[in-house]
Amino acid sequence: LSLPFPPLAAPVLSIRWTGPGEALLSWAPVTGATAYTIFAGESPSGPWLPLESVSGTTHGVAVPDESLRFFVVSATQ
């Protein structure tokens, strides 16, 4: 008998501007997570495009000048 993993908690995302066109995304680790997928979109309701999967809890992103970007992070097992 194989049972699915329970859903993981959603990471709480923090964004800090580090320079022109550059931001640092960071979040607290989620218990049970082995990786995090970062998504970006041009609207707070999506659609969301996957940017990258990372194992750590920080990641630098480029944000084109004069553009509005929204980010979401999802924890995975």
N, C-alpha and C. Protein backbone atom coordinates (compact mmCIF):
# COMPACT_ATOMS: atom_id res chain seq x y z
N LEU A 1 0.85 -1.18 0.00
CA LEU A 1 0.00 0.00 0.00
C LEU A 1 0.89 1.23 0.00
N SER A 2 0.64 2.10 -0.91
CA SER A 2 1.41 3.34 -1.02
C SER A 2 0.47 4.53 -0.84
N LEU A 3 0.82 5.38 0.09
CA LEU A 3 0.01 6.57 0.34
C LEU A 3 0.71 7.80 -0.22
N PRO A 4 -0.04 8.75 -0.77
CA PRO A 4 0.59 9.98 -1.28
C PRO A 4 1.10 10.83 -0.12
N PHE A 5 2.11 11.64 -0.42
CA PHE A 5 2.60 12.59 0.57
C PHE A 5 1.52 13.62 0.86
N PRO A 6 1.42 14.07 2.11
CA PRO A 6 0.47 15.16 2.38
C PRO A 6 0.94 16.44 1.70
N PRO A 7 0.03 17.35 1.40
CA PRO A 7 0.44 18.61 0.75
C PRO A 7 1.39 19.40 1.65
N LEU A 8 2.33 20.07 1.04
CA LEU A 8 3.27 20.91 1.79
C LEU A 8 2.69 22.30 1.99
N ALA A 9 3.14 22.94 3.05
CA ALA A 9 2.73 24.32 3.31
C ALA A 9 3.28 25.23 2.21
N ALA A 10 2.61 26.33 1.99
CA ALA A 10 3.08 27.31 1.00
C ALA A 10 4.15 28.19 1.64
N PRO A 11 5.30 28.35 0.99
CA PRO A 11 6.33 29.25 1.52
C PRO A 11 5.83 30.70 1.51
N VAL A 12 6.25 31.46 2.51
CA VAL A 12 5.94 32.90 2.56
C VAL A 12 7.11 33.62 1.91
N LEU A 13 6.86 34.30 0.82
CA LEU A 13 7.89 34.90 -0.01
C LEU A 13 8.20 36.33 0.41
N SER A 14 9.49 36.65 0.44
CA SER A 14 9.95 38.02 0.69
C SER A 14 10.79 38.44 -0.52
N ILE A 15 10.64 39.69 -0.95
CA ILE A 15 11.38 40.19 -2.11
C ILE A 15 12.14 41.44 -1.70
N ARG A 16 13.45 41.44 -2.00
CA ARG A 16 14.28 42.61 -1.69
C ARG A 16 15.00 43.03 -2.97
N TRP A 17 14.87 44.30 -3.30
CA TRP A 17 15.58 44.83 -4.48
C TRP A 17 17.06 44.95 -4.14
N THR A 18 17.91 44.42 -5.01
CA THR A 18 19.36 44.43 -4.77
C THR A 18 20.10 45.36 -5.72
N GLY A 19 19.42 45.88 -6.70
CA GLY A 19 20.04 46.79 -7.67
C GLY A 19 19.07 47.03 -8.81
N PRO A 20 19.44 47.88 -9.75
CA PRO A 20 18.55 48.12 -10.89
C PRO A 20 18.27 46.82 -11.65
N GLY A 21 17.01 46.47 -11.75
CA GLY A 21 16.62 45.27 -12.48
C GLY A 21 16.95 43.97 -11.79
N GLU A 22 17.30 44.00 -10.50
CA GLU A 22 17.67 42.78 -9.78
C GLU A 22 16.94 42.70 -8.45
N ALA A 23 16.45 41.51 -8.13
CA ALA A 23 15.78 41.29 -6.85
C ALA A 23 16.21 39.96 -6.27
N LEU A 24 16.16 39.86 -4.95
CA LEU A 24 16.47 38.62 -4.25
C LEU A 24 15.18 38.10 -3.63
N LEU A 25 14.78 36.90 -4.02
CA LEU A 25 13.62 36.24 -3.44
C LEU A 25 14.11 35.37 -2.29
N SER A 26 13.41 35.38 -1.17
CA SER A 26 13.78 34.52 -0.05
C SER A 26 12.52 34.06 0.67
N TRP A 27 12.63 32.91 1.34
CA TRP A 27 11.51 32.33 2.07
C TRP A 27 12.06 31.40 3.13
N ALA A 28 11.25 31.14 4.16
CA ALA A 28 11.64 30.20 5.22
C ALA A 28 11.51 28.78 4.69
N PRO A 29 12.36 27.87 5.16
CA PRO A 29 12.25 26.48 4.71
C PRO A 29 10.90 25.87 5.10
N VAL A 30 10.40 24.99 4.26
CA VAL A 30 9.15 24.28 4.53
C VAL A 30 9.50 22.85 4.92
N THR A 31 8.99 22.40 6.06
CA THR A 31 9.26 21.04 6.52
C THR A 31 8.82 20.03 5.48
N GLY A 32 9.74 19.12 5.11
CA GLY A 32 9.45 18.07 4.14
C GLY A 32 9.77 18.44 2.71
N ALA A 33 10.08 19.70 2.44
CA ALA A 33 10.38 20.12 1.06
C ALA A 33 11.78 19.68 0.66
N THR A 34 11.91 19.21 -0.57
CA THR A 34 13.22 18.87 -1.11
C THR A 34 13.66 19.87 -2.17
N ALA A 35 12.71 20.65 -2.67
CA ALA A 35 13.01 21.67 -3.68
C ALA A 35 11.88 22.70 -3.67
N TYR A 36 12.15 23.81 -4.35
CA TYR A 36 11.18 24.89 -4.47
C TYR A 36 11.14 25.32 -5.93
N THR A 37 9.95 25.49 -6.47
CA THR A 37 9.80 25.96 -7.84
C THR A 37 9.37 27.42 -7.80
N ILE A 38 10.09 28.26 -8.53
CA ILE A 38 9.79 29.69 -8.60
C ILE A 38 9.02 29.95 -9.89
N PHE A 39 7.91 30.65 -9.76
CA PHE A 39 7.06 31.01 -10.89
C PHE A 39 7.00 32.53 -10.99
N ALA A 40 6.83 33.05 -12.21
CA ALA A 40 6.68 34.50 -12.41
C ALA A 40 5.47 34.75 -13.30
N GLY A 41 4.87 35.92 -13.11
CA GLY A 41 3.74 36.32 -13.93
C GLY A 41 3.65 37.83 -14.00
N GLU A 42 2.83 38.32 -14.90
CA GLU A 42 2.64 39.76 -15.06
C GLU A 42 1.38 40.26 -14.36
N SER A 43 0.67 39.36 -13.69
CA SER A 43 -0.55 39.71 -12.96
C SER A 43 -0.55 38.94 -11.64
N PRO A 44 -1.13 39.50 -10.58
CA PRO A 44 -1.15 38.77 -9.31
C PRO A 44 -2.00 37.50 -9.36
N SER A 45 -2.80 37.33 -10.40
CA SER A 45 -3.61 36.12 -10.53
C SER A 45 -3.07 35.16 -11.59
N GLY A 46 -1.85 35.45 -12.11
CA GLY A 46 -1.25 34.59 -13.12
C GLY A 46 -1.64 35.06 -14.52
N PRO A 47 -1.39 34.26 -15.53
CA PRO A 47 -0.85 32.91 -15.48
C PRO A 47 0.60 32.91 -15.00
N TRP A 48 1.00 31.79 -14.39
CA TRP A 48 2.33 31.65 -13.81
C TRP A 48 3.21 30.79 -14.71
N LEU A 49 4.39 31.28 -15.01
CA LEU A 49 5.37 30.54 -15.81
C LEU A 49 6.50 30.10 -14.90
N PRO A 50 6.87 28.81 -14.94
CA PRO A 50 7.97 28.36 -14.09
C PRO A 50 9.30 28.97 -14.54
N LEU A 51 10.05 29.50 -13.58
CA LEU A 51 11.37 30.08 -13.88
C LEU A 51 12.48 29.07 -13.61
N GLU A 52 12.42 28.47 -12.42
CA GLU A 52 13.52 27.59 -12.02
C GLU A 52 13.11 26.78 -10.80
N SER A 53 13.75 25.62 -10.65
CA SER A 53 13.60 24.81 -9.45
C SER A 53 14.92 24.88 -8.70
N VAL A 54 14.85 25.17 -7.40
CA VAL A 54 16.06 25.34 -6.59
C VAL A 54 15.91 24.54 -5.30
N SER A 55 17.05 24.21 -4.67
CA SER A 55 17.01 23.48 -3.41
C SER A 55 17.13 24.40 -2.20
N GLY A 56 17.64 25.60 -2.40
CA GLY A 56 17.83 26.54 -1.30
C GLY A 56 16.61 27.42 -1.08
N THR A 57 16.75 28.39 -0.18
CA THR A 57 15.63 29.26 0.17
C THR A 57 15.87 30.72 -0.22
N THR A 58 16.80 30.95 -1.13
CA THR A 58 17.00 32.27 -1.72
C THR A 58 17.32 32.10 -3.20
N HIS A 59 16.96 33.10 -3.99
CA HIS A 59 17.27 33.04 -5.42
C HIS A 59 17.20 34.44 -6.01
N GLY A 60 18.21 34.82 -6.75
CA GLY A 60 18.23 36.11 -7.43
C GLY A 60 17.49 36.03 -8.76
N VAL A 61 16.75 37.09 -9.08
CA VAL A 61 16.02 37.14 -10.35
C VAL A 61 16.25 38.48 -11.02
N ALA A 62 16.21 38.47 -12.34
CA ALA A 62 16.29 39.70 -13.11
C ALA A 62 14.87 40.19 -13.38
N VAL A 63 14.67 41.49 -13.22
CA VAL A 63 13.37 42.09 -13.49
C VAL A 63 13.61 43.21 -14.50
N PRO A 64 13.14 43.05 -15.74
CA PRO A 64 13.36 44.08 -16.75
C PRO A 64 12.86 45.44 -16.29
N ASP A 65 13.61 46.48 -16.65
CA ASP A 65 13.22 47.85 -16.29
C ASP A 65 11.80 48.15 -16.75
N GLU A 66 11.11 48.93 -15.94
CA GLU A 66 9.76 49.40 -16.24
C GLU A 66 8.77 48.26 -16.49
N SER A 67 9.01 47.11 -15.87
CA SER A 67 8.05 46.02 -15.99
C SER A 67 7.57 45.64 -14.60
N LEU A 68 6.40 45.10 -14.54
CA LEU A 68 5.82 44.67 -13.28
C LEU A 68 5.81 43.15 -13.28
N ARG A 69 6.42 42.54 -12.27
CA ARG A 69 6.48 41.09 -12.17
C ARG A 69 5.96 40.66 -10.81
N PHE A 70 5.29 39.55 -10.80
CA PHE A 70 4.81 38.92 -9.58
C PHE A 70 5.47 37.56 -9.49
N PHE A 71 5.76 37.12 -8.27
CA PHE A 71 6.44 35.85 -8.07
C PHE A 71 5.68 34.99 -7.07
N VAL A 72 5.76 33.68 -7.29
CA VAL A 72 5.17 32.68 -6.40
C VAL A 72 6.21 31.58 -6.25
N VAL A 73 6.31 31.02 -5.04
CA VAL A 73 7.20 29.89 -4.79
C VAL A 73 6.36 28.73 -4.29
N SER A 74 6.63 27.55 -4.83
CA SER A 74 5.91 26.34 -4.43
C SER A 74 6.92 25.32 -3.90
N ALA A 75 6.62 24.72 -2.75
CA ALA A 75 7.49 23.68 -2.18
C ALA A 75 7.11 22.34 -2.78
N THR A 76 8.13 21.50 -3.06
CA THR A 76 7.89 20.16 -3.61
C THR A 76 8.67 19.13 -2.82
N GLN A 77 8.22 17.87 -2.94
CA GLN A 77 8.89 16.75 -2.27
C GLN A 77 9.55 15.87 -3.29
